[in-house]
Protein backbone atom coordinates (compact mmCIF):
# COMPACT_ATOMS: atom_id res chain seq x y z
CA MET A 1 -61.20 58.45 53.17
CA MET A 2 -62.23 57.42 49.62
CA ALA A 3 -58.81 54.82 50.17
CA LYS A 4 -59.70 53.35 53.75
CA LYS A 5 -63.41 52.82 51.83
CA ILE A 6 -61.78 51.30 48.51
CA ARG A 7 -59.76 48.81 51.42
CA LEU A 8 -63.14 48.17 52.99
CA LEU A 9 -64.51 46.89 49.98
CA LEU A 10 -62.19 45.31 48.40
CA ALA A 11 -61.45 43.64 51.47
CA GLY A 12 -65.54 42.82 51.44
CA ALA A 13 -65.53 41.19 47.66
CA VAL A 14 -62.88 39.01 49.34
CA LEU A 15 -64.38 38.00 52.57
CA VAL A 16 -68.24 37.21 50.08
CA CYS A 17 -66.07 35.03 47.67
CA THR A 18 -64.39 33.37 50.56
CA ILE A 19 -67.65 32.12 52.05
CA ALA A 20 -69.96 31.28 49.11
CA PRO A 21 -67.68 28.15 48.42
CA ILE A 22 -67.27 27.12 52.17
CA ALA A 23 -71.39 27.56 52.38
CA ALA A 24 -71.58 25.45 49.77
CA ASP A 25 -69.43 22.97 50.50
CA GLN A 26 -71.09 22.78 54.24
CA ASN A 27 -74.48 22.31 52.31
CA ALA A 28 -73.28 19.19 50.34
CA ALA A 29 -71.19 17.74 53.59
CA ALA A 30 -74.47 18.15 55.14
CA GLY A 31 -76.68 16.61 52.49
CA LEU A 32 -74.38 13.81 52.20
CA LYS A 33 -74.88 12.91 56.10
CA ALA A 34 -78.56 13.24 55.54
CA LEU A 35 -78.60 10.60 52.85
CA ILE A 36 -76.57 8.33 54.65
CA ALA A 37 -78.71 8.60 57.61
CA GLY A 38 -81.47 8.56 55.16
CA ASP A 39 -83.99 5.07 56.21
CA HIS A 40 -83.79 4.76 52.03
CA ARG A 41 -80.79 2.40 52.81
CA THR A 42 -80.94 -0.92 53.00
CA PRO A 43 -80.18 -1.74 57.01
CA LYS A 44 -77.93 -4.51 56.68
CA TYR A 45 -76.27 -1.94 54.39
CA ALA A 46 -76.27 0.98 57.09
CA ALA A 47 -74.53 -1.36 60.07
CA ARG A 48 -71.71 -1.21 57.96
CA ASP A 49 -70.78 2.17 57.80
CA LYS A 50 -68.79 1.40 60.93
CA TYR A 51 -66.32 -0.36 59.04
CA ARG A 52 -66.81 1.81 55.65
CA HIS A 53 -67.15 5.08 56.45
CA PRO A 54 -69.10 6.36 53.49
CA PHE A 55 -68.82 10.46 54.94
CA GLU A 56 -65.53 10.28 55.44
CA THR A 57 -64.56 8.06 52.23
CA LEU A 58 -66.83 10.13 50.22
CA MET A 59 -64.95 13.79 51.60
CA PHE A 60 -61.60 12.71 51.49
CA LEU A 61 -61.87 11.59 47.88
CA GLY A 62 -64.28 15.01 46.98
CA VAL A 63 -67.33 13.35 45.72
CA ARG A 64 -69.85 17.01 44.80
CA PRO A 65 -73.78 16.68 44.11
CA GLU A 66 -73.15 18.71 40.49
CA MET A 67 -70.45 16.19 39.68
CA SER A 68 -70.38 13.19 37.02
CA VAL A 69 -69.11 10.11 39.00
CA VAL A 70 -68.88 6.54 37.56
CA GLU A 71 -68.66 3.75 40.08
CA ILE A 72 -67.09 0.44 38.80
CA TRP A 73 -69.03 -2.82 39.63
CA PRO A 74 -71.39 -1.86 42.09
CA GLY A 75 -72.60 -4.91 43.33
CA GLY A 76 -75.75 -5.01 45.16
CA GLY A 77 -75.97 -1.26 45.75
CA TRP A 78 -73.84 -0.33 48.67
CA TYR A 79 -72.47 2.78 47.60
CA THR A 80 -75.74 3.45 44.72
CA GLU A 81 -77.72 3.86 47.69
CA ILE A 82 -75.82 6.92 48.69
CA LEU A 83 -74.25 8.18 45.56
CA ALA A 84 -77.49 8.14 43.16
CA PRO A 85 -79.65 10.21 45.18
CA TYR A 86 -76.74 12.49 46.20
CA LEU A 87 -75.98 13.46 42.47
CA LYS A 88 -79.38 13.08 41.06
CA GLY A 89 -80.58 16.54 39.55
CA SER A 90 -76.85 18.46 40.01
CA GLY A 91 -74.78 15.32 38.63
CA LYS A 92 -74.61 12.26 36.89
CA TYR A 93 -74.02 8.86 38.44
CA TYR A 94 -72.88 6.17 35.87
CA ALA A 95 -73.40 2.40 37.45
CA ALA A 96 -70.73 0.80 35.77
CA HIS A 97 -71.77 -3.11 36.04
CA ARG A 98 -71.11 -6.65 34.77
CA ASN A 99 -70.64 -7.66 31.21
CA ARG A 100 -74.64 -9.05 30.60
CA ASP A 101 -73.41 -11.21 27.76
CA THR A 102 -72.01 -13.15 30.60
CA LYS A 103 -72.69 -17.02 30.50
CA ASP A 104 -71.66 -17.01 34.58
CA ALA A 105 -75.39 -17.51 36.20
CA ARG A 106 -74.21 -15.45 39.50
CA ILE A 107 -73.08 -12.79 37.70
CA LEU A 108 -76.09 -12.39 35.75
CA LYS A 109 -78.40 -12.86 39.08
CA PHE A 110 -76.26 -10.02 40.46
CA ILE A 111 -77.42 -7.68 37.36
CA GLU A 112 -81.08 -8.93 37.55
CA ARG A 113 -81.18 -8.12 40.87
CA TYR A 114 -79.68 -4.51 40.29
CA ASP A 115 -81.83 -3.82 37.74
CA ALA A 116 -85.16 -4.53 40.45
CA LYS A 117 -83.36 -2.17 43.25
CA LEU A 118 -83.06 0.73 40.53
CA ALA A 119 -86.56 -0.37 39.49
CA ALA A 120 -88.11 -0.32 42.60
CA ARG A 121 -87.33 3.31 43.44
CA PRO A 122 -87.32 5.53 40.42
CA ASP A 123 -87.24 8.51 43.00
CA LEU A 124 -83.91 7.69 44.06
CA TYR A 125 -82.43 5.95 41.39
CA GLY A 126 -84.62 7.16 38.31
CA GLU A 127 -81.68 9.26 36.98
CA VAL A 128 -78.96 6.06 37.05
CA ILE A 129 -77.04 5.25 33.92
CA VAL A 130 -76.13 2.09 33.87
CA THR A 131 -73.13 0.89 31.32
CA GLU A 132 -70.98 -2.24 31.30
CA LEU A 133 -67.31 -3.24 32.29
CA SER A 134 -66.03 -6.28 31.12
CA ARG A 135 -62.23 -7.73 30.05
CA THR A 136 -63.84 -6.39 26.35
CA LYS A 137 -66.04 -3.84 27.27
CA GLY A 138 -64.66 -0.53 28.61
CA ALA A 139 -67.27 2.35 27.91
CA ILE A 140 -68.04 2.86 31.38
CA ALA A 141 -69.14 6.60 30.11
CA PRO A 142 -68.11 9.09 27.27
CA PRO A 143 -64.65 9.86 26.81
CA GLY A 144 -63.80 12.42 29.21
CA SER A 145 -66.99 13.07 30.59
CA ALA A 146 -66.47 11.72 33.99
CA ASP A 147 -64.86 14.31 36.89
CA MET A 148 -64.42 11.16 39.48
CA VAL A 149 -64.27 7.18 39.42
CA LEU A 150 -64.59 5.10 41.98
CA THR A 151 -64.12 1.66 42.82
CA PHE A 152 -64.59 -0.10 46.04
CA ARG A 153 -63.13 -3.82 47.01
CA ASN A 154 -62.48 -4.67 43.17
CA ILE A 155 -59.00 -5.09 42.19
CA HIS A 156 -58.16 -8.10 43.17
CA ASN A 157 -61.07 -9.65 41.59
CA TRP A 158 -59.47 -8.36 38.32
CA MET A 159 -55.88 -9.31 39.16
CA LYS A 160 -56.99 -12.78 39.48
CA PHE A 161 -58.66 -13.18 36.13
CA GLY A 162 -55.21 -11.28 34.76
CA PHE A 163 -57.66 -8.46 33.19
CA GLU A 164 -56.55 -5.41 35.74
CA THR A 165 -54.98 -3.29 32.57
CA PRO A 166 -57.91 -2.63 30.44
CA ILE A 167 -60.10 -1.72 33.49
CA PHE A 168 -57.96 0.73 34.88
CA ASP A 169 -57.38 2.47 31.50
CA ALA A 170 -60.91 2.49 30.94
CA MET A 171 -60.85 4.04 34.12
CA TYR A 172 -58.72 6.49 32.50
CA THR A 173 -60.49 6.90 29.47
CA ALA A 174 -64.06 8.00 30.92
CA LEU A 175 -62.34 10.77 33.10
CA LYS A 176 -61.23 13.97 32.22
CA PRO A 177 -58.28 15.63 32.49
CA GLY A 178 -57.82 16.45 36.42
CA GLY A 179 -60.71 13.97 37.67
CA ILE A 180 -60.40 11.97 40.23
CA LEU A 181 -59.84 8.34 41.01
CA GLY A 182 -60.60 7.09 43.93
CA VAL A 183 -59.58 3.47 45.32
CA VAL A 184 -60.59 1.33 48.48
CA GLU A 185 -58.76 -1.95 48.67
CA HIS A 186 -58.66 -4.56 50.76
CA ARG A 187 -54.42 -4.04 51.75
CA ALA A 188 -51.91 -7.04 52.30
CA ASP A 189 -49.81 -7.06 55.04
CA PRO A 190 -46.51 -4.89 53.40
CA GLU A 191 -44.04 -7.88 54.79
CA GLU A 192 -45.82 -10.63 52.74
CA PHE A 193 -44.42 -10.93 48.86
CA PRO A 194 -46.79 -9.45 46.75
CA ASP A 195 -49.45 -12.35 44.89
CA PRO A 196 -50.04 -10.68 41.54
CA GLN A 197 -53.43 -12.50 41.20
CA ALA A 198 -54.51 -11.31 44.52
CA LEU A 199 -55.96 -14.79 45.52
CA SER A 200 -56.25 -13.75 49.39
CA GLY A 201 -58.28 -10.85 48.58
CA TYR A 202 -55.70 -8.32 49.89
CA VAL A 203 -53.64 -6.27 47.02
CA HIS A 204 -50.34 -4.25 47.95
CA GLU A 205 -50.67 -0.71 48.09
CA GLU A 206 -47.53 -0.70 46.07
CA GLN A 207 -49.35 -2.71 43.29
CA VAL A 208 -52.06 -1.16 43.39
CA ILE A 209 -50.43 2.45 42.48
CA GLU A 210 -48.09 0.96 39.97
CA MET A 211 -51.51 -0.32 38.42
CA ALA A 212 -52.60 3.10 38.41
CA GLU A 213 -49.42 5.09 37.47
CA ALA A 214 -48.78 2.59 34.38
CA ALA A 215 -52.25 3.66 33.44
CA GLY A 216 -51.25 7.45 33.25
CA PHE A 217 -52.44 8.21 36.67
CA LYS A 218 -51.25 10.27 39.40
CA LEU A 219 -51.58 9.66 42.91
CA VAL A 220 -52.53 12.85 45.07
CA GLY A 221 -53.25 11.61 48.31
CA LYS A 222 -53.74 8.70 51.05
CA SER A 223 -56.13 8.21 54.17
CA GLU A 224 -56.26 5.77 56.92
CA VAL A 225 -60.34 6.48 57.20
CA ASN A 226 -60.89 2.72 56.28
CA ALA A 227 -57.88 1.36 57.98
CA ASN A 228 -58.13 -1.82 60.31
CA PRO A 229 -54.98 -2.46 62.85
CA ALA A 230 -57.05 -5.44 64.45
CA ASP A 231 -57.27 -7.51 60.80
CA LYS A 232 -53.82 -9.22 60.69
CA ARG A 233 -54.53 -10.49 57.05
CA ASP A 234 -53.66 -13.97 58.07
CA HIS A 235 -57.26 -15.49 57.93
CA PRO A 236 -57.70 -19.05 56.54
CA GLU A 237 -60.25 -17.80 54.10
CA GLY A 238 -58.21 -14.85 53.17
CA VAL A 239 -60.46 -12.15 53.53
CA TRP A 240 -63.54 -13.81 53.37
CA THR A 241 -62.98 -15.27 56.49
CA LEU A 242 -63.98 -11.69 58.06
CA PRO A 243 -67.43 -10.32 58.44
CA PRO A 244 -69.68 -9.66 55.93
CA SER A 245 -68.47 -13.51 54.23
CA LEU A 246 -67.60 -15.00 57.11
CA ARG A 247 -66.69 -17.83 54.98
CA LEU A 248 -66.27 -20.17 58.03
CA LYS A 249 -69.53 -19.64 59.45
CA ASP A 250 -69.82 -20.35 63.23
CA LYS A 251 -66.37 -21.55 63.33
CA ASP A 252 -64.68 -19.14 65.38
CA ARG A 253 -67.17 -16.44 64.43
CA ASP A 254 -66.72 -13.95 67.62
CA LYS A 255 -62.92 -13.91 66.92
CA TYR A 256 -63.86 -12.59 63.27
CA LEU A 257 -66.93 -10.59 64.54
CA ALA A 258 -64.40 -8.55 66.78
CA ILE A 259 -61.63 -8.13 64.22
CA GLY A 260 -64.66 -6.40 61.96
CA GLU A 261 -63.67 -5.90 58.11
CA SER A 262 -60.41 -5.92 56.60
CA ASP A 263 -57.64 -3.38 56.74
CA ARG A 264 -58.28 -0.93 53.31
CA MET A 265 -55.80 1.60 52.00
CA THR A 266 -58.05 4.46 50.42
CA LEU A 267 -56.49 6.13 47.55
CA LYS A 268 -56.70 9.39 45.52
CA PHE A 269 -55.62 9.72 41.60
CA GLU A 270 -55.23 12.11 39.19
CA LYS A 271 -55.67 12.05 35.48
CA PRO A 272 -53.18 14.57 34.61
CA ALA A 273 -54.84 17.70 33.37
CA SER A 274 -52.30 18.16 30.40
């Protein structure tokens, strides 16, 4: 009888240990879904969820509210509207924006708009830590402190100007051992010859993997959540032919709207623990 009781108690202990993390995961997922559906989001950003799949993307990459997360070049703050309030209080959100010393008026305007966005909603963005990332500035977070670094559709820009290596190195340095690098990027046709500058905006998946591995990362997962089979990647203005850019304006507009946003790779890398 005593042995039976011990077995039951042990089984109960295991059951408690198993249920607690599942409940925490479910709560985190529910919180993320609620934020994605929140009325704080810019309507034109929320309208793009059907192409960008933020919930599925972030769940695949493993974002948790207690993490320290760096987003690379957050642009107008599409993912900031989701990540900053999700991490507020329990984790940290670093927005590694462009170089504030630049002479490029367009980049400075992007930064100014982003700063204004944060200032307008201190309840949501009051804990955002803004850092800088460029060819020469790589202190995106304290070295070895980040649980995750995320970059969404940026790699083609780095390739165009030839500074992908220092940026991958900066991301590696910021991550703690075992930390995750999440990448979403426009995916080139694997049958086409790779362009080292990615001037069409499309990048070969193998190119991204090679860059990451050269920096020390290990590929640990792929997802097709952001794939778009309708995108044949043969457009006259490259990826910018498609929405949201629609660079051809009204020419064949309905055709490109029907295609939707680009076909994208979603890759998960890890900084080795040792």
